[in-house]
Amino acid sequence: MIESQILLDPTAEVSPAKRQRVTPPDSLEGKTIALLDIGKRRGNVFLDRLEECMAERGLTVKRYAKPTNTKVAPLNVVQTIAMECDIVVEALSD
């Protein structure tokens, strides 16, 4: 007998939308890059170094953070990133 299994969506979306992959830009020049700290341990260390490397290349970087790693980013943070930035790098760790 096969037991039924319940699969959970780790994105916290109630009904996940199918999205087409966004084509990456040819260059980062002239783009504003968001660095999003999701609150995991030492993620900020990774983002600090990444920001340093990007600044050396003359790239524009803005930093954002979730208040905790256990919840999705608040809507105002997501909207701010969408309005102010072209590209997002999200720090993960573990």
PDB file of N, CA and C in Angstrom:
ATOM      1  N   MET A   1       0.836  -1.178   0.000  1.00  0.00           N
ATOM      2  CA  MET A   1       0.000   0.000   0.000  1.00  0.00           C
ATOM      3  C   MET A   1       0.890   1.253   0.000  1.00  0.00           C
ATOM      4  N   ILE A   2       0.606   2.187  -0.866  1.00  0.00           N
ATOM      5  CA  ILE A   2       1.362   3.430  -0.959  1.00  0.00           C
ATOM      6  C   ILE A   2       0.692   4.480  -0.080  1.00  0.00           C
ATOM      7  N   GLU A   3       1.493   5.071   0.799  1.00  0.00           N
ATOM      8  CA  GLU A   3       0.970   6.126   1.659  1.00  0.00           C
ATOM      9  C   GLU A   3       0.950   7.444   0.891  1.00  0.00           C
ATOM     10  N   SER A   4      -0.048   8.240   1.154  1.00  0.00           N
ATOM     11  CA  SER A   4      -0.079   9.552   0.510  1.00  0.00           C
ATOM     12  C   SER A   4       0.872  10.491   1.244  1.00  0.00           C
ATOM     13  N   GLN A   5       1.425  11.437   0.499  1.00  0.00           N
ATOM     14  CA  GLN A   5       2.346  12.401   1.073  1.00  0.00           C
ATOM     15  C   GLN A   5       1.860  13.807   0.776  1.00  0.00           C
ATOM     16  N   ILE A   6       2.095  14.680   1.716  1.00  0.00           N
ATOM     17  CA  ILE A   6       1.768  16.083   1.519  1.00  0.00           C
ATOM     18  C   ILE A   6       3.078  16.825   1.281  1.00  0.00           C
ATOM     19  N   LEU A   7       3.151  17.537   0.169  1.00  0.00           N
ATOM     20  CA  LEU A   7       4.338  18.324  -0.153  1.00  0.00           C
ATOM     21  C   LEU A   7       4.058  19.776   0.189  1.00  0.00           C
ATOM     22  N   LEU A   8       4.995  20.396   0.870  1.00  0.00           N
ATOM     23  CA  LEU A   8       4.846  21.788   1.266  1.00  0.00           C
ATOM     24  C   LEU A   8       5.702  22.669   0.372  1.00  0.00           C
ATOM     25  N   ASP A   9       5.183  23.821   0.020  1.00  0.00           N
ATOM     26  CA  ASP A   9       5.896  24.781  -0.810  1.00  0.00           C
ATOM     27  C   ASP A   9       6.774  25.647   0.089  1.00  0.00           C
ATOM     28  N   PRO A  10       8.106  25.571  -0.040  1.00  0.00           N
ATOM     29  CA  PRO A  10       8.997  26.344   0.836  1.00  0.00           C
ATOM     30  C   PRO A  10       8.991  27.845   0.574  1.00  0.00           C
ATOM     31  N   THR A  11       8.321  28.279  -0.487  1.00  0.00           N
ATOM     32  CA  THR A  11       8.292  29.708  -0.810  1.00  0.00           C
ATOM     33  C   THR A  11       7.227  30.460  -0.032  1.00  0.00           C
ATOM     34  N   ALA A  12       6.390  29.760   0.694  1.00  0.00           N
ATOM     35  CA  ALA A  12       5.298  30.347   1.486  1.00  0.00           C
ATOM     36  C   ALA A  12       4.212  30.948   0.605  1.00  0.00           C
ATOM     37  N   GLU A  13       4.202  30.593  -0.658  1.00  0.00           N
ATOM     38  CA  GLU A  13       3.142  31.070  -1.541  1.00  0.00           C
ATOM     39  C   GLU A  13       1.942  30.150  -1.394  1.00  0.00           C
ATOM     40  N   VAL A  14       0.768  30.737  -1.253  1.00  0.00           N
ATOM     41  CA  VAL A  14      -0.439  29.937  -1.112  1.00  0.00           C
ATOM     42  C   VAL A  14      -0.742  29.210  -2.413  1.00  0.00           C
ATOM     43  N   SER A  15      -0.663  29.913  -3.504  1.00  0.00           N
ATOM     44  CA  SER A  15      -0.823  29.291  -4.814  1.00  0.00           C
ATOM     45  C   SER A  15       0.285  29.832  -5.712  1.00  0.00           C
ATOM     46  N   PRO A  16       1.372  29.071  -5.824  1.00  0.00           N
ATOM     47  CA  PRO A  16       2.537  29.546  -6.573  1.00  0.00           C
ATOM     48  C   PRO A  16       2.189  29.911  -8.009  1.00  0.00           C
ATOM     49  N   ALA A  17       2.675  31.052  -8.441  1.00  0.00           N
ATOM     50  CA  ALA A  17       2.469  31.486  -9.815  1.00  0.00           C
ATOM     51  C   ALA A  17       3.622  30.978 -10.670  1.00  0.00           C
ATOM     52  N   LYS A  18       3.294  30.544 -11.865  1.00  0.00           N
ATOM     53  CA  LYS A  18       4.350  30.148 -12.792  1.00  0.00           C
ATOM     54  C   LYS A  18       4.887  31.422 -13.421  1.00  0.00           C
ATOM     55  N   ARG A  19       6.198  31.578 -13.337  1.00  0.00           N
ATOM     56  CA  ARG A  19       6.834  32.780 -13.864  1.00  0.00           C
ATOM     57  C   ARG A  19       7.881  32.391 -14.902  1.00  0.00           C
ATOM     58  N   GLN A  20       7.966  33.190 -15.928  1.00  0.00           N
ATOM     59  CA  GLN A  20       9.025  32.964 -16.898  1.00  0.00           C
ATOM     60  C   GLN A  20      10.326  33.483 -16.323  1.00  0.00           C
ATOM     61  N   ARG A  21      11.400  32.807 -16.664  1.00  0.00           N
ATOM     62  CA  ARG A  21      12.720  33.236 -16.210  1.00  0.00           C
ATOM     63  C   ARG A  21      13.053  34.574 -16.849  1.00  0.00           C
ATOM     64  N   VAL A  22      13.541  35.488 -16.041  1.00  0.00           N
ATOM     65  CA  VAL A  22      13.949  36.792 -16.542  1.00  0.00           C
ATOM     66  C   VAL A  22      15.338  36.652 -17.149  1.00  0.00           C
ATOM     67  N   THR A  23      15.509  37.201 -18.330  1.00  0.00           N
ATOM     68  CA  THR A  23      16.811  37.145 -18.993  1.00  0.00           C
ATOM     69  C   THR A  23      17.798  38.033 -18.234  1.00  0.00           C
ATOM     70  N   PRO A  24      18.954  37.469 -17.842  1.00  0.00           N
ATOM     71  CA  PRO A  24      19.933  38.293 -17.118  1.00  0.00           C
ATOM     72  C   PRO A  24      20.492  39.392 -18.023  1.00  0.00           C
ATOM     73  N   PRO A  25      20.896  40.506 -17.430  1.00  0.00           N
ATOM     74  CA  PRO A  25      21.442  41.600 -18.247  1.00  0.00           C
ATOM     75  C   PRO A  25      22.803  41.213 -18.831  1.00  0.00           C
ATOM     76  N   ASP A  26      23.136  41.853 -19.928  1.00  0.00           N
ATOM     77  CA  ASP A  26      24.441  41.617 -20.551  1.00  0.00           C
ATOM     78  C   ASP A  26      25.573  42.139 -19.680  1.00  0.00           C
ATOM     79  N   SER A  27      25.275  43.178 -18.901  1.00  0.00           N
ATOM     80  CA  SER A  27      26.290  43.828 -18.081  1.00  0.00           C
ATOM     81  C   SER A  27      25.635  44.358 -16.805  1.00  0.00           C
ATOM     82  N   LEU A  28      26.436  44.539 -15.761  1.00  0.00           N
ATOM     83  CA  LEU A  28      25.951  45.143 -14.521  1.00  0.00           C
ATOM     84  C   LEU A  28      26.149  46.662 -14.526  1.00  0.00           C
ATOM     85  N   GLU A  29      26.871  47.158 -15.501  1.00  0.00           N
ATOM     86  CA  GLU A  29      27.138  48.590 -15.599  1.00  0.00           C
ATOM     87  C   GLU A  29      25.822  49.357 -15.715  1.00  0.00           C
ATOM     88  N   GLY A  30      25.693  50.398 -14.897  1.00  0.00           N
ATOM     89  CA  GLY A  30      24.503  51.226 -14.941  1.00  0.00           C
ATOM     90  C   GLY A  30      23.302  50.647 -14.210  1.00  0.00           C
ATOM     91  N   LYS A  31      23.441  49.465 -13.643  1.00  0.00           N
ATOM     92  CA  LYS A  31      22.358  48.819 -12.911  1.00  0.00           C
ATOM     93  C   LYS A  31      22.524  49.080 -11.415  1.00  0.00           C
ATOM     94  N   THR A  32      21.415  49.092 -10.707  1.00  0.00           N
ATOM     95  CA  THR A  32      21.452  49.175  -9.250  1.00  0.00           C
ATOM     96  C   THR A  32      21.207  47.770  -8.713  1.00  0.00           C
ATOM     97  N   ILE A  33      22.113  47.313  -7.862  1.00  0.00           N
ATOM     98  CA  ILE A  33      22.076  45.940  -7.357  1.00  0.00           C
ATOM     99  C   ILE A  33      21.645  45.947  -5.901  1.00  0.00           C
ATOM    100  N   ALA A  34      20.597  45.193  -5.596  1.00  0.00           N
ATOM    101  CA  ALA A  34      20.123  45.050  -4.221  1.00  0.00           C
ATOM    102  C   ALA A  34      20.822  43.851  -3.589  1.00  0.00           C
ATOM    103  N   LEU A  35      21.361  44.041  -2.410  1.00  0.00           N
ATOM    104  CA  LEU A  35      21.916  42.941  -1.632  1.00  0.00           C
ATOM    105  C   LEU A  35      20.963  42.718  -0.465  1.00  0.00           C
ATOM    106  N   LEU A  36      20.297  41.569  -0.451  1.00  0.00           N
ATOM    107  CA  LEU A  36      19.277  41.277   0.553  1.00  0.00           C
ATOM    108  C   LEU A  36      19.799  40.291   1.582  1.00  0.00           C
ATOM    109  N   ASP A  37      19.889  40.752   2.811  1.00  0.00           N
ATOM    110  CA  ASP A  37      20.298  39.898   3.934  1.00  0.00           C
ATOM    111  C   ASP A  37      19.032  39.254   4.495  1.00  0.00           C
ATOM    112  N   ILE A  38      18.950  37.930   4.438  1.00  0.00           N
ATOM    113  CA  ILE A  38      17.741  37.252   4.906  1.00  0.00           C
ATOM    114  C   ILE A  38      17.787  36.924   6.390  1.00  0.00           C
ATOM    115  N   GLY A  39      18.862  37.331   7.063  1.00  0.00           N
ATOM    116  CA  GLY A  39      18.927  37.157   8.509  1.00  0.00           C
ATOM    117  C   GLY A  39      19.562  35.863   8.974  1.00  0.00           C
ATOM    118  N   LYS A  40      20.136  35.099   8.055  1.00  0.00           N
ATOM    119  CA  LYS A  40      20.835  33.883   8.454  1.00  0.00           C
ATOM    120  C   LYS A  40      22.215  34.264   8.978  1.00  0.00           C
ATOM    121  N   ARG A  41      22.721  33.424   9.837  1.00  0.00           N
ATOM    122  CA  ARG A  41      24.025  33.667  10.462  1.00  0.00           C
ATOM    123  C   ARG A  41      25.121  33.823   9.419  1.00  0.00           C
ATOM    124  N   ARG A  42      25.898  34.873   9.536  1.00  0.00           N
ATOM    125  CA  ARG A  42      27.053  35.202   8.706  1.00  0.00           C
ATOM    126  C   ARG A  42      26.692  35.569   7.261  1.00  0.00           C
ATOM    127  N   GLY A  43      25.414  35.671   6.956  1.00  0.00           N
ATOM    128  CA  GLY A  43      25.026  36.141   5.625  1.00  0.00           C
ATOM    129  C   GLY A  43      25.518  37.552   5.381  1.00  0.00           C
ATOM    130  N   ASN A  44      25.521  38.365   6.457  1.00  0.00           N
ATOM    131  CA  ASN A  44      25.996  39.747   6.326  1.00  0.00           C
ATOM    132  C   ASN A  44      27.485  39.801   5.989  1.00  0.00           C
ATOM    133  N   VAL A  45      28.251  38.817   6.451  1.00  0.00           N
ATOM    134  CA  VAL A  45      29.688  38.765   6.145  1.00  0.00           C
ATOM    135  C   VAL A  45      29.874  38.561   4.636  1.00  0.00           C
ATOM    136  N   PHE A  46      29.094  37.645   4.077  1.00  0.00           N
ATOM    137  CA  PHE A  46      29.134  37.394   2.632  1.00  0.00           C
ATOM    138  C   PHE A  46      28.753  38.666   1.872  1.00  0.00           C
ATOM    139  N   LEU A  47      27.670  39.310   2.293  1.00  0.00           N
ATOM    140  CA  LEU A  47      27.214  40.507   1.593  1.00  0.00           C
ATOM    141  C   LEU A  47      28.188  41.667   1.744  1.00  0.00           C
ATOM    142  N   ASP A  48      28.829  41.788   2.907  1.00  0.00           N
ATOM    143  CA  ASP A  48      29.844  42.833   3.089  1.00  0.00           C
ATOM    144  C   ASP A  48      30.958  42.677   2.064  1.00  0.00           C
ATOM    145  N   ARG A  49      31.428  41.463   1.903  1.00  0.00           N
ATOM    146  CA  ARG A  49      32.517  41.200   0.952  1.00  0.00           C
ATOM    147  C   ARG A  49      32.059  41.419  -0.488  1.00  0.00           C
ATOM    148  N   LEU A  50      30.844  40.969  -0.790  1.00  0.00           N
ATOM    149  CA  LEU A  50      30.299  41.150  -2.127  1.00  0.00           C
ATOM    150  C   LEU A  50      30.143  42.639  -2.452  1.00  0.00           C
ATOM    151  N   GLU A  51      29.647  43.407  -1.484  1.00  0.00           N
ATOM    152  CA  GLU A  51      29.499  44.847  -1.680  1.00  0.00           C
ATOM    153  C   GLU A  51      30.861  45.498  -1.922  1.00  0.00           C
ATOM    154  N   GLU A  52      31.859  45.074  -1.178  1.00  0.00           N
ATOM    155  CA  GLU A  52      33.209  45.609  -1.347  1.00  0.00           C
ATOM    156  C   GLU A  52      33.728  45.345  -2.762  1.00  0.00           C
ATOM    157  N   CYS A  53      33.550  44.121  -3.238  1.00  0.00           N
ATOM    158  CA  CYS A  53      34.007  43.753  -4.589  1.00  0.00           C
ATOM    159  C   CYS A  53      33.255  44.537  -5.662  1.00  0.00           C
ATOM    160  N   MET A  54      31.951  44.709  -5.465  1.00  0.00           N
ATOM    161  CA  MET A  54      31.153  45.456  -6.443  1.00  0.00           C
ATOM    162  C   MET A  54      31.532  46.928  -6.447  1.00  0.00           C
ATOM    163  N   ALA A  55      31.774  47.500  -5.266  1.00  0.00           N
ATOM    164  CA  ALA A  55      32.172  48.902  -5.169  1.00  0.00           C
ATOM    165  C   ALA A  55      33.508  49.128  -5.877  1.00  0.00           C
ATOM    166  N   GLU A  56      34.429  48.176  -5.769  1.00  0.00           N
ATOM    167  CA  GLU A  56      35.724  48.277  -6.451  1.00  0.00           C
ATOM    168  C   GLU A  56      35.543  48.334  -7.963  1.00  0.00           C
ATOM    169  N   ARG A  57      34.468  47.729  -8.455  1.00  0.00           N
ATOM    170  CA  ARG A  57      34.169  47.737  -9.895  1.00  0.00           C
ATOM    171  C   ARG A  57      33.323  48.942 -10.291  1.00  0.00           C
ATOM    172  N   GLY A  58      32.988  49.806  -9.312  1.00  0.00           N
ATOM    173  CA  GLY A  58      32.216  51.003  -9.593  1.00  0.00           C
ATOM    174  C   GLY A  58      30.723  50.754  -9.745  1.00  0.00           C
ATOM    175  N   LEU A  59      30.240  49.629  -9.222  1.00  0.00           N
ATOM    176  CA  LEU A  59      28.821  49.294  -9.341  1.00  0.00           C
ATOM    177  C   LEU A  59      28.017  49.937  -8.216  1.00  0.00           C
ATOM    178  N   THR A  60      26.760  50.227  -8.480  1.00  0.00           N
ATOM    179  CA  THR A  60      25.857  50.822  -7.502  1.00  0.00           C
ATOM    180  C   THR A  60      25.156  49.707  -6.730  1.00  0.00           C
ATOM    181  N   VAL A  61      25.294  49.758  -5.397  1.00  0.00           N
ATOM    182  CA  VAL A  61      24.744  48.713  -4.531  1.00  0.00           C
ATOM    183  C   VAL A  61      23.890  49.351  -3.441  1.00  0.00           C
ATOM    184  N   LYS A  62      22.762  48.725  -3.147  1.00  0.00           N
ATOM    185  CA  LYS A  62      21.915  49.129  -2.021  1.00  0.00           C
ATOM    186  C   LYS A  62      21.695  47.908  -1.147  1.00  0.00           C
ATOM    187  N   ARG A  63      21.694  48.105   0.165  1.00  0.00           N
ATOM    188  CA  ARG A  63      21.524  46.996   1.110  1.00  0.00           C
ATOM    189  C   ARG A  63      20.119  46.997   1.689  1.00  0.00           C
ATOM    190  N   TYR A  64      19.585  45.791   1.855  1.00  0.00           N
ATOM    191  CA  TYR A  64      18.270  45.580   2.455  1.00  0.00           C
ATOM    192  C   TYR A  64      18.362  44.375   3.374  1.00  0.00           C
ATOM    193  N   ALA A  65      17.415  44.261   4.296  1.00  0.00           N
ATOM    194  CA  ALA A  65      17.425  43.114   5.207  1.00  0.00           C
ATOM    195  C   ALA A  65      16.007  42.736   5.601  1.00  0.00           C
ATOM    196  N   LYS A  66      15.805  41.441   5.755  1.00  0.00           N
ATOM    197  CA  LYS A  66      14.566  40.948   6.349  1.00  0.00           C
ATOM    198  C   LYS A  66      14.722  41.052   7.861  1.00  0.00           C
ATOM    199  N   PRO A  67      13.629  41.270   8.598  1.00  0.00           N
ATOM    200  CA  PRO A  67      13.753  41.356  10.051  1.00  0.00           C
ATOM    201  C   PRO A  67      14.105  40.019  10.706  1.00  0.00           C
ATOM    202  N   THR A  68      13.758  38.923  10.052  1.00  0.00           N
ATOM    203  CA  THR A  68      14.058  37.591  10.582  1.00  0.00           C
ATOM    204  C   THR A  68      14.126  36.600   9.434  1.00  0.00           C
ATOM    205  N   ASN A  69      14.902  35.549   9.623  1.00  0.00           N
ATOM    206  CA  ASN A  69      15.026  34.554   8.549  1.00  0.00           C
ATOM    207  C   ASN A  69      13.862  33.567   8.530  1.00  0.00           C
ATOM    208  N   THR A  70      12.974  33.642   9.495  1.00  0.00           N
ATOM    209  CA  THR A  70      11.897  32.655   9.585  1.00  0.00           C
ATOM    210  C   THR A  70      10.635  33.060   8.842  1.00  0.00           C
ATOM    211  N   LYS A  71      10.618  34.263   8.296  1.00  0.00           N
ATOM    212  CA  LYS A  71       9.435  34.737   7.577  1.00  0.00           C
ATOM    213  C   LYS A  71       9.842  35.326   6.231  1.00  0.00           C
ATOM    214  N   VAL A  72       8.862  35.423   5.346  1.00  0.00           N
ATOM    215  CA  VAL A  72       9.134  36.047   4.050  1.00  0.00           C
ATOM    216  C   VAL A  72       9.405  37.532   4.263  1.00  0.00           C
ATOM    217  N   ALA A  73      10.057  38.141   3.301  1.00  0.00           N
ATOM    218  CA  ALA A  73      10.357  39.576   3.394  1.00  0.00           C
ATOM    219  C   ALA A  73       9.046  40.363   3.428  1.00  0.00           C
ATOM    220  N   PRO A  74       8.980  41.378   4.283  1.00  0.00           N
ATOM    221  CA  PRO A  74       7.776  42.207   4.329  1.00  0.00           C
ATOM    222  C   PRO A  74       7.513  42.855   2.971  1.00  0.00           C
ATOM    223  N   LEU A  75       6.246  43.068   2.671  1.00  0.00           N
ATOM    224  CA  LEU A  75       5.842  43.623   1.385  1.00  0.00           C
ATOM    225  C   LEU A  75       6.532  44.952   1.090  1.00  0.00           C
ATOM    226  N   ASN A  76       6.680  45.805   2.101  1.00  0.00           N
ATOM    227  CA  ASN A  76       7.317  47.103   1.853  1.00  0.00           C
ATOM    228  C   ASN A  76       8.782  46.946   1.442  1.00  0.00           C
ATOM    229  N   VAL A  77       9.472  45.940   1.964  1.00  0.00           N
ATOM    230  CA  VAL A  77      10.870  45.689   1.566  1.00  0.00           C
ATOM    231  C   VAL A  77      10.909  45.210   0.116  1.00  0.00           C
ATOM    232  N   VAL A  78      10.034  44.288  -0.229  1.00  0.00           N
ATOM    233  CA  VAL A  78       9.976  43.759  -1.596  1.00  0.00           C
ATOM    234  C   VAL A  78       9.637  44.879  -2.586  1.00  0.00           C
ATOM    235  N   GLN A  79       8.663  45.705  -2.242  1.00  0.00           N
ATOM    236  CA  GLN A  79       8.267  46.806  -3.127  1.00  0.00           C
ATOM    237  C   GLN A  79       9.385  47.839  -3.282  1.00  0.00           C
ATOM    238  N   THR A  80      10.077  48.136  -2.201  1.00  0.00           N
ATOM    239  CA  THR A  80      11.182  49.096  -2.261  1.00  0.00           C
ATOM    240  C   THR A  80      12.287  48.576  -3.172  1.00  0.00           C
ATOM    241  N   ILE A  81      12.638  47.304  -3.011  1.00  0.00           N
ATOM    242  CA  ILE A  81      13.668  46.713  -3.877  1.00  0.00           C
ATOM    243  C   ILE A  81      13.224  46.767  -5.333  1.00  0.00           C
ATOM    244  N   ALA A  82      11.970  46.425  -5.597  1.00  0.00           N
ATOM    245  CA  ALA A  82      11.461  46.414  -6.972  1.00  0.00           C
ATOM    246  C   ALA A  82      11.501  47.810  -7.597  1.00  0.00           C
ATOM    247  N   MET A  83      11.241  48.836  -6.797  1.00  0.00           N
ATOM    248  CA  MET A  83      11.234  50.202  -7.329  1.00  0.00           C
ATOM    249  C   MET A  83      12.641  50.772  -7.487  1.00  0.00           C
ATOM    250  N   GLU A  84      13.560  50.393  -6.605  1.00  0.00           N
ATOM    251  CA  GLU A  84      14.876  51.037  -6.575  1.00  0.00           C
ATOM    252  C   GLU A  84      15.981  50.273  -7.292  1.00  0.00           C
ATOM    253  N   CYS A  85      15.782  48.977  -7.544  1.00  0.00           N
ATOM    254  CA  CYS A  85      16.890  48.145  -8.031  1.00  0.00           C
ATOM    255  C   CYS A  85      16.532  47.371  -9.291  1.00  0.00           C
ATOM    256  N   ASP A  86      17.585  46.983 -10.005  1.00  0.00           N
ATOM    257  CA  ASP A  86      17.430  46.205 -11.231  1.00  0.00           C
ATOM    258  C   ASP A  86      17.725  44.723 -11.017  1.00  0.00           C
ATOM    259  N   ILE A  87      18.580  44.438 -10.044  1.00  0.00           N
ATOM    260  CA  ILE A  87      19.072  43.075  -9.811  1.00  0.00           C
ATOM    261  C   ILE A  87      19.090  42.830  -8.308  1.00  0.00           C
ATOM    262  N   VAL A  88      18.806  41.597  -7.893  1.00  0.00           N
ATOM    263  CA  VAL A  88      18.838  41.249  -6.468  1.00  0.00           C
ATOM    264  C   VAL A  88      19.791  40.077  -6.232  1.00  0.00           C
ATOM    265  N   VAL A  89      20.636  40.222  -5.224  1.00  0.00           N
ATOM    266  CA  VAL A  89      21.455  39.113  -4.740  1.00  0.00           C
ATOM    267  C   VAL A  89      20.990  38.866  -3.305  1.00  0.00           C
ATOM    268  N   GLU A  90      20.584  37.631  -3.058  1.00  0.00           N
ATOM    269  CA  GLU A  90      20.060  37.264  -1.741  1.00  0.00           C
ATOM    270  C   GLU A  90      21.086  36.397  -1.022  1.00  0.00           C
ATOM    271  N   ALA A  91      21.449  36.800   0.189  1.00  0.00           N
ATOM    272  CA  ALA A  91      22.471  36.061   0.946  1.00  0.00           C
ATOM    273  C   ALA A  91      21.868  34.838   1.605  1.00  0.00           C
ATOM    274  N   LEU A  92      22.473  33.719   1.377  1.00  0.00           N
ATOM    275  CA  LEU A  92      22.099  32.482   2.049  1.00  0.00           C
ATOM    276  C   LEU A  92      23.315  31.972   2.806  1.00  0.00           C
ATOM    277  N   SER A  93      23.088  31.203   3.825  1.00  0.00           N
ATOM    278  CA  SER A  93      24.210  30.609   4.550  1.00  0.00           C
ATOM    279  C   SER A  93      23.749  29.309   5.168  1.00  0.00           C
ATOM    280  N   ASP A  94      24.597  28.702   5.929  1.00  0.00           N
ATOM    281  CA  ASP A  94      24.402  27.440   6.660  1.00  0.00           C
ATOM    282  C   ASP A  94      25.471  26.465   6.280  1.00  0.00           C
TER     283      ASP A  94
END
